[in-house]
Amino acid sequence: MNLGIALGGGGAKGFAHIGVLDVLEKEKIKVKFVAGNSIGAVIGALYCLFGSIEKLHSLSRSFIESEEFKTLGLDKFYTEDSNILRRFKKKVFEKYYFGALLFKKSHSQIDATRQLFYNLFSNYTFDDLKIPFVCSALDINSGEEVVFKKGLLAEAIWATCAIPGIFPPLIKEQRVLVDGGVINNIPVDLLKELGAKTVIAVYLGSLPRFDSKPDTGYRITQRSLAFMKYHFDQHILSRADLIINPDVEEFHWADFQAIEELIKRGQETAKRNLRKIKSVCSFWYQLKRFRFQEFLTLQFL
């Protein structure tokens, strides 16, 4: 059984992936292929590199506690706060930030971003991985999806994590590479190309919800894009054998300090879906799918 797991993007919510992988490991459900974009690529690549949930957990914790990560100032985007004054300041920063993008490429500087990903992945390459892994990025020059299967992990992960406006793009040769989640948030098809026969997708999104009416052109545009992304994700997910959707809707994408609770949410969701997971991994599921595909082939001969 060639099981592949596709880990979707979602910022800090991606720590839920650790919880899902933890349950699979404890249940001795062997993952043979991993694909991930954005935060899903960070978690997926670390897991494939070290093959250990314990190591993945400790590295993730060290990552968000490092001075390099703190220097990025991503906590400024976390607008949820019980303190009214702090919440107001963060909302003011958010508006200032979007205006500032008219004059600069990103919130984070190139040197700080490079240091962050090289500290995490050093000079490891795809050849060092214990489990086959793939991720992708969008070339905003050509509009093409660029798939990473070889080379330095630090560069590949930088490219697929380069959230437009937050992290600077990775510029390599003639390509300007940004977040793979823009074009392929849950890389199901990349897993199949890698050799996976059964695909489990871990999706961190949910149907967008808004409290107030859209009273400006900016808010109308913002909502339209949010719904467009959601429905595009559903189209991708339809090609997976099973979708695991951790309950992380209440968490902000920049709430990196919630790592332990997010891991727990991933564990809880995987446990609730354990029967379904074992079902799609079974011999009988594969046999039924093979017979169905054979039937369809005969119908069109």
C-alpha atoms as a PDB file:
ATOM      1  CA  MET A   1       0.000   0.000   0.000  1.00  0.00           C
ATOM      2  CA  ASN A   2       1.663   3.181  -1.226  1.00  0.00           C
ATOM      3  CA  LEU A   3       0.183   5.801   1.114  1.00  0.00           C
ATOM      4  CA  GLY A   4       0.888   9.447   0.504  1.00  0.00           C
ATOM      5  CA  ILE A   5      -0.090  12.367   2.714  1.00  0.00           C
ATOM      6  CA  ALA A   6      -0.603  15.905   1.387  1.00  0.00           C
ATOM      7  CA  LEU A   7      -0.085  18.651   3.972  1.00  0.00           C
ATOM      8  CA  GLY A   8      -1.827  21.933   3.206  1.00  0.00           C
ATOM      9  CA  GLY A   9      -0.857  25.509   3.970  1.00  0.00           C
ATOM     10  CA  GLY A  10      -2.252  27.707   6.717  1.00  0.00           C
ATOM     11  CA  GLY A  11       0.506  29.438   8.651  1.00  0.00           C
ATOM     12  CA  ALA A  12       0.704  28.504  12.335  1.00  0.00           C
ATOM     13  CA  LYS A  13      -2.327  26.230  11.898  1.00  0.00           C
ATOM     14  CA  GLY A  14       0.116  23.860  10.188  1.00  0.00           C
ATOM     15  CA  PHE A  15       1.326  22.602  13.563  1.00  0.00           C
ATOM     16  CA  ALA A  16      -1.827  20.452  13.490  1.00  0.00           C
ATOM     17  CA  HIS A  17      -0.009  18.381  10.841  1.00  0.00           C
ATOM     18  CA  ILE A  18       2.356  17.177  13.566  1.00  0.00           C
ATOM     19  CA  GLY A  19      -0.590  15.794  15.507  1.00  0.00           C
ATOM     20  CA  VAL A  20      -1.940  13.930  12.481  1.00  0.00           C
ATOM     21  CA  LEU A  21       1.471  12.425  11.667  1.00  0.00           C
ATOM     22  CA  ASP A  22       1.896  11.478  15.324  1.00  0.00           C
ATOM     23  CA  VAL A  23      -1.299   9.401  15.312  1.00  0.00           C
ATOM     24  CA  LEU A  24      -0.359   7.683  12.036  1.00  0.00           C
ATOM     25  CA  GLU A  25       3.042   6.793  13.463  1.00  0.00           C
ATOM     26  CA  LYS A  26       1.595   5.425  16.729  1.00  0.00           C
ATOM     27  CA  GLU A  27      -0.944   3.358  14.778  1.00  0.00           C
ATOM     28  CA  LYS A  28       1.924   1.999  12.650  1.00  0.00           C
ATOM     29  CA  ILE A  29       0.324   3.364   9.475  1.00  0.00           C
ATOM     30  CA  LYS A  30       3.349   3.792   7.241  1.00  0.00           C
ATOM     31  CA  VAL A  31       3.538   6.931   5.128  1.00  0.00           C
ATOM     32  CA  LYS A  32       5.619   6.275   2.012  1.00  0.00           C
ATOM     33  CA  PHE A  33       5.299   9.681   0.312  1.00  0.00           C
ATOM     34  CA  VAL A  34       4.779  13.216   1.584  1.00  0.00           C
ATOM     35  CA  ALA A  35       3.903  16.408  -0.269  1.00  0.00           C
ATOM     36  CA  GLY A  36       3.405  19.803   1.292  1.00  0.00           C
ATOM     37  CA  ASN A  37       3.297  23.467   0.423  1.00  0.00           C
ATOM     38  CA  SER A  38       3.892  26.504   2.618  1.00  0.00           C
ATOM     39  CA  ILE A  39       3.845  25.441   6.323  1.00  0.00           C
ATOM     40  CA  GLY A  40       2.901  21.940   5.145  1.00  0.00           C
ATOM     41  CA  ALA A  41       6.268  21.791   3.399  1.00  0.00           C
ATOM     42  CA  VAL A  42       8.156  22.818   6.550  1.00  0.00           C
ATOM     43  CA  ILE A  43       6.467  20.098   8.621  1.00  0.00           C
ATOM     44  CA  GLY A  44       6.605  17.523   5.828  1.00  0.00           C
ATOM     45  CA  ALA A  45      10.258  18.073   4.941  1.00  0.00           C
ATOM     46  CA  LEU A  46      11.388  17.897   8.590  1.00  0.00           C
ATOM     47  CA  TYR A  47       9.437  14.675   9.078  1.00  0.00           C
ATOM     48  CA  CYS A  48      10.864  13.133   5.922  1.00  0.00           C
ATOM     49  CA  LEU A  49      14.379  14.233   6.854  1.00  0.00           C
ATOM     50  CA  PHE A  50      14.466  12.832  10.386  1.00  0.00           C
ATOM     51  CA  GLY A  51      11.631  10.275  10.322  1.00  0.00           C
ATOM     52  CA  SER A  52      10.715  11.058  13.918  1.00  0.00           C
ATOM     53  CA  ILE A  53       7.730  12.864  15.430  1.00  0.00           C
ATOM     54  CA  GLU A  54       9.724  13.599  18.579  1.00  0.00           C
ATOM     55  CA  LYS A  55      12.458  15.287  16.536  1.00  0.00           C
ATOM     56  CA  LEU A  56       9.856  17.127  14.441  1.00  0.00           C
ATOM     57  CA  HIS A  57       8.143  18.444  17.572  1.00  0.00           C
ATOM     58  CA  SER A  58      11.361  19.658  19.206  1.00  0.00           C
ATOM     59  CA  LEU A  59      12.615  21.320  16.015  1.00  0.00           C
ATOM     60  CA  SER A  60       9.278  23.085  15.492  1.00  0.00           C
ATOM     61  CA  ARG A  61       9.352  24.398  19.047  1.00  0.00           C
ATOM     62  CA  SER A  62      12.991  25.529  18.676  1.00  0.00           C
ATOM     63  CA  PHE A  63      12.092  27.137  15.349  1.00  0.00           C
ATOM     64  CA  ILE A  64       9.448  29.487  16.774  1.00  0.00           C
ATOM     65  CA  GLU A  65      11.554  30.241  19.851  1.00  0.00           C
ATOM     66  CA  SER A  66      14.672  31.131  17.860  1.00  0.00           C
ATOM     67  CA  GLU A  67      15.909  34.714  17.661  1.00  0.00           C
ATOM     68  CA  GLU A  68      15.826  34.498  13.856  1.00  0.00           C
ATOM     69  CA  PHE A  69      12.118  33.693  13.905  1.00  0.00           C
ATOM     70  CA  LYS A  70      11.330  36.387  16.481  1.00  0.00           C
ATOM     71  CA  THR A  71      13.223  38.938  14.376  1.00  0.00           C
ATOM     72  CA  LEU A  72      10.716  38.385  11.561  1.00  0.00           C
ATOM     73  CA  GLY A  73       8.027  40.010  13.730  1.00  0.00           C
ATOM     74  CA  LEU A  74       5.205  37.769  12.476  1.00  0.00           C
ATOM     75  CA  ASP A  75       3.436  38.150  15.835  1.00  0.00           C
ATOM     76  CA  LYS A  76       2.520  41.684  14.723  1.00  0.00           C
ATOM     77  CA  PHE A  77       0.000  40.146  12.319  1.00  0.00           C
ATOM     78  CA  TYR A  78      -1.791  38.295  15.110  1.00  0.00           C
ATOM     79  CA  THR A  79      -4.612  40.785  15.687  1.00  0.00           C
ATOM     80  CA  GLU A  80      -6.558  38.737  18.246  1.00  0.00           C
ATOM     81  CA  ASP A  81      -5.864  40.068  21.742  1.00  0.00           C
ATOM     82  CA  SER A  82      -7.884  40.379  24.969  1.00  0.00           C
ATOM     83  CA  ASN A  83      -6.294  43.774  25.565  1.00  0.00           C
ATOM     84  CA  ILE A  84      -8.251  46.410  23.608  1.00  0.00           C
ATOM     85  CA  LEU A  85      -5.299  48.805  23.264  1.00  0.00           C
ATOM     86  CA  ARG A  86      -2.932  46.098  21.971  1.00  0.00           C
ATOM     87  CA  ARG A  87      -5.604  44.873  19.556  1.00  0.00           C
ATOM     88  CA  PHE A  88      -6.097  48.410  18.245  1.00  0.00           C
ATOM     89  CA  LYS A  89      -2.334  48.856  17.764  1.00  0.00           C
ATOM     90  CA  LYS A  90      -2.124  45.600  15.815  1.00  0.00           C
ATOM     91  CA  LYS A  91      -5.011  46.540  13.560  1.00  0.00           C
ATOM     92  CA  VAL A  92      -3.331  49.889  12.891  1.00  0.00           C
ATOM     93  CA  PHE A  93      -0.107  48.010  12.051  1.00  0.00           C
ATOM     94  CA  GLU A  94      -2.027  45.746   9.655  1.00  0.00           C
ATOM     95  CA  LYS A  95      -3.369  48.755   7.726  1.00  0.00           C
ATOM     96  CA  TYR A  96       0.074  50.400   7.727  1.00  0.00           C
ATOM     97  CA  TYR A  97       1.646  47.165   6.511  1.00  0.00           C
ATOM     98  CA  PHE A  98      -0.586  46.869   3.438  1.00  0.00           C
ATOM     99  CA  GLY A  99       0.149  50.476   2.543  1.00  0.00           C
ATOM    100  CA  ALA A 100       3.895  49.947   2.995  1.00  0.00           C
ATOM    101  CA  LEU A 101       3.862  47.159   0.379  1.00  0.00           C
ATOM    102  CA  LEU A 102       3.510  49.865  -2.256  1.00  0.00           C
ATOM    103  CA  PHE A 103       7.144  50.744  -1.539  1.00  0.00           C
ATOM    104  CA  LYS A 104       8.801  47.438  -0.574  1.00  0.00           C
ATOM    105  CA  LYS A 105       8.653  43.771  -1.599  1.00  0.00           C
ATOM    106  CA  SER A 106       7.911  42.147   1.751  1.00  0.00           C
ATOM    107  CA  HIS A 107       7.649  42.480   5.495  1.00  0.00           C
ATOM    108  CA  SER A 108      10.712  40.275   6.109  1.00  0.00           C
ATOM    109  CA  GLN A 109      14.197  41.022   4.785  1.00  0.00           C
ATOM    110  CA  ILE A 110      16.042  38.672   2.408  1.00  0.00           C
ATOM    111  CA  ASP A 111      19.013  38.022   4.711  1.00  0.00           C
ATOM    112  CA  ALA A 112      16.802  37.230   7.711  1.00  0.00           C
ATOM    113  CA  THR A 113      14.645  34.891   5.630  1.00  0.00           C
ATOM    114  CA  ARG A 114      17.651  33.070   4.175  1.00  0.00           C
ATOM    115  CA  GLN A 115      19.163  32.658   7.650  1.00  0.00           C
ATOM    116  CA  LEU A 116      15.886  31.295   9.026  1.00  0.00           C
ATOM    117  CA  PHE A 117      15.539  28.488   6.493  1.00  0.00           C
ATOM    118  CA  TYR A 118      19.225  27.576   6.416  1.00  0.00           C
ATOM    119  CA  ASN A 119      19.260  27.361  10.216  1.00  0.00           C
ATOM    120  CA  LEU A 120      16.370  24.911   9.981  1.00  0.00           C
ATOM    121  CA  PHE A 121      17.578  22.785   7.053  1.00  0.00           C
ATOM    122  CA  SER A 122      21.325  23.530   6.922  1.00  0.00           C
ATOM    123  CA  ASN A 123      22.801  22.122   3.686  1.00  0.00           C
ATOM    124  CA  TYR A 124      20.570  19.048   3.566  1.00  0.00           C
ATOM    125  CA  THR A 125      19.297  18.092   0.124  1.00  0.00           C
ATOM    126  CA  PHE A 126      16.401  15.971  -1.133  1.00  0.00           C
ATOM    127  CA  ASP A 127      18.882  13.077  -1.360  1.00  0.00           C
ATOM    128  CA  ASP A 128      19.156  13.111   2.450  1.00  0.00           C
ATOM    129  CA  LEU A 129      15.452  12.433   2.995  1.00  0.00           C
ATOM    130  CA  LYS A 130      14.332   9.158   4.576  1.00  0.00           C
ATOM    131  CA  ILE A 131      10.892   9.458   2.944  1.00  0.00           C
ATOM    132  CA  PRO A 132      10.310  10.819  -0.593  1.00  0.00           C
ATOM    133  CA  PHE A 133       9.022  14.394  -0.421  1.00  0.00           C
ATOM    134  CA  VAL A 134       7.884  17.014  -2.908  1.00  0.00           C
ATOM    135  CA  CYS A 135       6.765  20.652  -2.705  1.00  0.00           C
ATOM    136  CA  SER A 136       6.156  23.454  -5.177  1.00  0.00           C
ATOM    137  CA  ALA A 137       6.160  27.216  -5.670  1.00  0.00           C
ATOM    138  CA  LEU A 138       4.664  29.678  -8.143  1.00  0.00           C
ATOM    139  CA  ASP A 139       6.935  31.489 -10.602  1.00  0.00           C
ATOM    140  CA  ILE A 140       5.352  34.949 -10.786  1.00  0.00           C
ATOM    141  CA  ASN A 141       7.264  35.710 -13.973  1.00  0.00           C
ATOM    142  CA  SER A 142       5.842  32.871 -16.048  1.00  0.00           C
ATOM    143  CA  GLY A 143       2.822  31.792 -13.976  1.00  0.00           C
ATOM    144  CA  GLU A 144       4.147  28.230 -13.889  1.00  0.00           C
ATOM    145  CA  GLU A 145       4.127  25.861 -10.935  1.00  0.00           C
ATOM    146  CA  VAL A 146       7.724  24.908 -10.124  1.00  0.00           C
ATOM    147  CA  VAL A 147       8.039  21.493  -8.476  1.00  0.00           C
ATOM    148  CA  PHE A 148      10.953  20.695  -6.161  1.00  0.00           C
ATOM    149  CA  LYS A 149      12.243  17.120  -6.072  1.00  0.00           C
ATOM    150  CA  LYS A 150      15.972  17.738  -5.833  1.00  0.00           C
ATOM    151  CA  GLY A 151      18.480  20.316  -4.646  1.00  0.00           C
ATOM    152  CA  LEU A 152      18.799  22.153  -1.346  1.00  0.00           C
ATOM    153  CA  LEU A 153      15.861  21.753   1.030  1.00  0.00           C
ATOM    154  CA  ALA A 154      16.426  25.236   2.478  1.00  0.00           C
ATOM    155  CA  GLU A 155      15.854  26.842  -0.929  1.00  0.00           C
ATOM    156  CA  ALA A 156      12.840  24.692  -1.771  1.00  0.00           C
ATOM    157  CA  ILE A 157      11.170  25.406   1.573  1.00  0.00           C
ATOM    158  CA  TRP A 158      11.944  29.118   1.339  1.00  0.00           C
ATOM    159  CA  ALA A 159      10.303  29.220  -2.092  1.00  0.00           C
ATOM    160  CA  THR A 160       7.153  27.364  -1.075  1.00  0.00           C
ATOM    161  CA  CYS A 161       6.839  29.447   2.136  1.00  0.00           C
ATOM    162  CA  ALA A 162       7.353  32.836   0.485  1.00  0.00           C
ATOM    163  CA  ILE A 163       3.918  34.232   1.347  1.00  0.00           C
ATOM    164  CA  PRO A 164       3.480  37.248  -0.966  1.00  0.00           C
ATOM    165  CA  GLY A 165       4.141  40.424   0.968  1.00  0.00           C
ATOM    166  CA  ILE A 166       5.316  38.576   4.103  1.00  0.00           C
ATOM    167  CA  PHE A 167       8.456  36.740   2.957  1.00  0.00           C
ATOM    168  CA  PRO A 168      10.627  37.846   0.021  1.00  0.00           C
ATOM    169  CA  PRO A 169      10.412  35.565  -3.030  1.00  0.00           C
ATOM    170  CA  LEU A 170      13.267  33.201  -3.790  1.00  0.00           C
ATOM    171  CA  ILE A 171      14.972  34.464  -6.933  1.00  0.00           C
ATOM    172  CA  LYS A 172      16.714  31.609  -8.736  1.00  0.00           C
ATOM    173  CA  GLU A 173      18.061  31.998 -12.259  1.00  0.00           C
ATOM    174  CA  GLN A 174      15.202  33.640 -14.200  1.00  0.00           C
ATOM    175  CA  ARG A 175      12.505  32.588 -11.744  1.00  0.00           C
ATOM    176  CA  VAL A 176      10.832  34.622  -9.004  1.00  0.00           C
ATOM    177  CA  LEU A 177       9.279  32.032  -6.700  1.00  0.00           C
ATOM    178  CA  VAL A 178       6.494  32.564  -4.148  1.00  0.00           C
ATOM    179  CA  ASP A 179       4.287  30.492  -1.847  1.00  0.00           C
ATOM    180  CA  GLY A 180       3.194  27.180  -3.375  1.00  0.00           C
ATOM    181  CA  GLY A 181      -0.114  27.536  -1.551  1.00  0.00           C
ATOM    182  CA  VAL A 182      -1.094  30.274  -4.009  1.00  0.00           C
ATOM    183  CA  ILE A 183      -1.380  27.779  -6.853  1.00  0.00           C
ATOM    184  CA  ASN A 184      -1.603  24.370  -5.156  1.00  0.00           C
ATOM    185  CA  ASN A 185      -2.505  24.633  -1.483  1.00  0.00           C
ATOM    186  CA  ILE A 186      -2.912  20.882  -0.897  1.00  0.00           C
ATOM    187  CA  PRO A 187      -0.595  19.154  -3.406  1.00  0.00           C
ATOM    188  CA  VAL A 188      -2.583  15.956  -3.996  1.00  0.00           C
ATOM    189  CA  ASP A 189      -1.542  15.525  -7.626  1.00  0.00           C
ATOM    190  CA  LEU A 190       2.150  15.938  -6.784  1.00  0.00           C
ATOM    191  CA  LEU A 191       1.833  12.926  -4.484  1.00  0.00           C
ATOM    192  CA  LYS A 192       0.314  10.810  -7.222  1.00  0.00           C
ATOM    193  CA  GLU A 193       3.107  11.801  -9.582  1.00  0.00           C
ATOM    194  CA  LEU A 194       5.561  10.745  -6.878  1.00  0.00           C
ATOM    195  CA  GLY A 195       4.010   7.258  -6.788  1.00  0.00           C
ATOM    196  CA  ALA A 196       1.300   7.359  -4.114  1.00  0.00           C
ATOM    197  CA  LYS A 197      -1.695   5.125  -4.828  1.00  0.00           C
ATOM    198  CA  THR A 198      -3.746   6.264  -1.832  1.00  0.00           C
ATOM    199  CA  VAL A 199      -3.768   9.931  -0.835  1.00  0.00           C
ATOM    200  CA  ILE A 200      -4.820  11.416   2.491  1.00  0.00           C
ATOM    201  CA  ALA A 201      -5.098  15.212   2.411  1.00  0.00           C
ATOM    202  CA  VAL A 202      -4.791  17.278   5.593  1.00  0.00           C
ATOM    203  CA  TYR A 203      -6.698  20.501   4.986  1.00  0.00           C
ATOM    204  CA  LEU A 204      -6.434  23.434   7.399  1.00  0.00           C
ATOM    205  CA  GLY A 205      -9.028  25.671   5.764  1.00  0.00           C
ATOM    206  CA  SER A 206     -12.751  26.170   6.266  1.00  0.00           C
ATOM    207  CA  LEU A 207     -15.622  28.038   4.654  1.00  0.00           C
ATOM    208  CA  PRO A 208     -14.887  31.763   5.226  1.00  0.00           C
ATOM    209  CA  ARG A 209     -17.178  33.466   7.726  1.00  0.00           C
ATOM    210  CA  PHE A 210     -17.625  37.211   8.216  1.00  0.00           C
ATOM    211  CA  ASP A 211     -19.390  39.104  11.010  1.00  0.00           C
ATOM    212  CA  SER A 212     -20.229  42.349   9.228  1.00  0.00           C
ATOM    213  CA  LYS A 213     -21.473  43.438   5.807  1.00  0.00           C
ATOM    214  CA  PRO A 214     -18.823  44.319   3.194  1.00  0.00           C
ATOM    215  CA  ASP A 215     -19.150  48.098   3.117  1.00  0.00           C
ATOM    216  CA  THR A 216     -16.070  48.987   1.053  1.00  0.00           C
ATOM    217  CA  GLY A 217     -14.569  47.903  -2.230  1.00  0.00           C
ATOM    218  CA  TYR A 218     -11.540  46.545  -0.355  1.00  0.00           C
ATOM    219  CA  ARG A 219     -13.692  44.288   1.847  1.00  0.00           C
ATOM    220  CA  ILE A 220     -15.763  43.071  -1.098  1.00  0.00           C
ATOM    221  CA  THR A 221     -12.554  42.180  -2.930  1.00  0.00           C
ATOM    222  CA  GLN A 222     -11.112  40.531   0.184  1.00  0.00           C
ATOM    223  CA  ARG A 223     -14.181  38.336   0.638  1.00  0.00           C
ATOM    224  CA  SER A 224     -14.342  37.426  -3.026  1.00  0.00           C
ATOM    225  CA  LEU A 225     -10.738  36.232  -2.951  1.00  0.00           C
ATOM    226  CA  ALA A 226     -11.349  34.275   0.263  1.00  0.00           C
ATOM    227  CA  PHE A 227     -14.295  32.410  -1.251  1.00  0.00           C
ATOM    228  CA  MET A 228     -12.441  31.871  -4.521  1.00  0.00           C
ATOM    229  CA  LYS A 229      -9.534  30.253  -2.653  1.00  0.00           C
ATOM    230  CA  TYR A 230     -11.879  28.064  -0.617  1.00  0.00           C
ATOM    231  CA  HIS A 231     -13.694  26.698  -3.674  1.00  0.00           C
ATOM    232  CA  PHE A 232     -10.418  26.203  -5.537  1.00  0.00           C
ATOM    233  CA  ASP A 233      -9.179  24.140  -2.576  1.00  0.00           C
ATOM    234  CA  GLN A 234     -12.331  21.980  -2.723  1.00  0.00           C
ATOM    235  CA  HIS A 235     -11.587  21.191  -6.357  1.00  0.00           C
ATOM    236  CA  ILE A 236      -8.093  19.972  -5.414  1.00  0.00           C
ATOM    237  CA  LEU A 237      -9.380  17.994  -2.418  1.00  0.00           C
ATOM    238  CA  SER A 238     -11.874  16.095  -4.574  1.00  0.00           C
ATOM    239  CA  ARG A 239      -8.930  14.101  -5.946  1.00  0.00           C
ATOM    240  CA  ALA A 240      -7.888  12.756  -2.534  1.00  0.00           C
ATOM    241  CA  ASP A 241      -9.106   9.440  -1.102  1.00  0.00           C
ATOM    242  CA  LEU A 242      -9.682  10.956   2.331  1.00  0.00           C
ATOM    243  CA  ILE A 243      -9.694  14.486   3.750  1.00  0.00           C
ATOM    244  CA  ILE A 244      -8.695  15.183   7.332  1.00  0.00           C
ATOM    245  CA  ASN A 245      -9.798  18.650   8.412  1.00  0.00           C
ATOM    246  CA  PRO A 246      -8.472  19.565  11.893  1.00  0.00           C
ATOM    247  CA  ASP A 247     -10.653  21.946  13.894  1.00  0.00           C
ATOM    248  CA  VAL A 248      -8.348  24.973  13.766  1.00  0.00           C
ATOM    249  CA  GLU A 249     -10.745  27.615  12.431  1.00  0.00           C
ATOM    250  CA  GLU A 250     -10.552  29.688  15.636  1.00  0.00           C
ATOM    251  CA  PHE A 251      -6.772  30.074  15.393  1.00  0.00           C
ATOM    252  CA  HIS A 252      -5.082  32.983  13.623  1.00  0.00           C
ATOM    253  CA  TRP A 253      -2.506  32.107  10.963  1.00  0.00           C
ATOM    254  CA  ALA A 254       0.145  34.027  12.944  1.00  0.00           C
ATOM    255  CA  ASP A 255      -0.629  32.485  16.357  1.00  0.00           C
ATOM    256  CA  PHE A 256       2.596  30.456  16.500  1.00  0.00           C
ATOM    257  CA  GLN A 257       2.569  30.328  20.305  1.00  0.00           C
ATOM    258  CA  ALA A 258      -0.461  27.996  20.128  1.00  0.00           C
ATOM    259  CA  ILE A 259       1.749  25.157  18.871  1.00  0.00           C
ATOM    260  CA  GLU A 260       0.833  22.641  21.599  1.00  0.00           C
ATOM    261  CA  GLU A 261      -2.912  23.193  21.277  1.00  0.00           C
ATOM    262  CA  LEU A 262      -2.679  22.974  17.473  1.00  0.00           C
ATOM    263  CA  ILE A 263      -0.779  19.677  17.677  1.00  0.00           C
ATOM    264  CA  LYS A 264      -3.474  18.413  20.033  1.00  0.00           C
ATOM    265  CA  ARG A 265      -6.225  19.414  17.564  1.00  0.00           C
ATOM    266  CA  GLY A 266      -4.444  17.441  14.847  1.00  0.00           C
ATOM    267  CA  GLN A 267      -4.206  14.384  17.096  1.00  0.00           C
ATOM    268  CA  GLU A 268      -7.869  14.573  18.070  1.00  0.00           C
ATOM    269  CA  THR A 269      -9.052  14.864  14.474  1.00  0.00           C
ATOM    270  CA  ALA A 270      -6.842  11.983  13.292  1.00  0.00           C
ATOM    271  CA  LYS A 271      -8.130   9.770  16.109  1.00  0.00           C
ATOM    272  CA  ARG A 272     -11.739  10.583  15.207  1.00  0.00           C
ATOM    273  CA  ASN A 273     -11.006   9.626  11.610  1.00  0.00           C
ATOM    274  CA  LEU A 274      -8.898   6.560  12.404  1.00  0.00           C
ATOM    275  CA  ARG A 275     -11.477   4.098  11.138  1.00  0.00           C
ATOM    276  CA  LYS A 276     -11.688   5.934   7.799  1.00  0.00           C
ATOM    277  CA  ILE A 277      -7.901   6.186   7.590  1.00  0.00           C
ATOM    278  CA  LYS A 278      -7.501   2.444   8.101  1.00  0.00           C
ATOM    279  CA  SER A 279     -10.277   1.808   5.594  1.00  0.00           C
ATOM    280  CA  VAL A 280      -8.606   3.711   2.709  1.00  0.00           C
ATOM    281  CA  CYS A 281      -5.297   2.058   3.589  1.00  0.00           C
ATOM    282  CA  SER A 282      -6.767  -1.447   3.435  1.00  0.00           C
ATOM    283  CA  PHE A 283      -6.255  -4.050   0.737  1.00  0.00           C
ATOM    284  CA  TRP A 284     -10.007  -4.234   0.126  1.00  0.00           C
ATOM    285  CA  TYR A 285     -10.261  -0.516  -0.567  1.00  0.00           C
ATOM    286  CA  GLN A 286      -7.503  -0.810  -3.151  1.00  0.00           C
ATOM    287  CA  LEU A 287      -9.167  -3.840  -4.718  1.00  0.00           C
ATOM    288  CA  LYS A 288     -12.568  -2.135  -4.969  1.00  0.00           C
ATOM    289  CA  ARG A 289     -11.027   0.959  -6.507  1.00  0.00           C
ATOM    290  CA  PHE A 290      -9.061  -1.123  -9.009  1.00  0.00           C
ATOM    291  CA  ARG A 291     -12.204  -2.983 -10.063  1.00  0.00           C
ATOM    292  CA  PHE A 292     -14.132   0.290 -10.421  1.00  0.00           C
ATOM    293  CA  GLN A 293     -11.380   1.797 -12.587  1.00  0.00           C
ATOM    294  CA  GLU A 294     -11.285  -1.408 -14.661  1.00  0.00           C
ATOM    295  CA  PHE A 295     -15.066  -1.197 -15.114  1.00  0.00           C
ATOM    296  CA  LEU A 296     -14.839   2.420 -16.298  1.00  0.00           C
ATOM    297  CA  THR A 297     -12.099   1.507 -18.757  1.00  0.00           C
ATOM    298  CA  LEU A 298     -14.224  -1.287 -20.256  1.00  0.00           C
ATOM    299  CA  GLN A 299     -17.216   1.038 -20.598  1.00  0.00           C
ATOM    300  CA  PHE A 300     -15.259   3.411 -22.847  1.00  0.00           C
ATOM    301  CA  LEU A 301     -13.509   0.819 -24.996  1.00  0.00           C
END
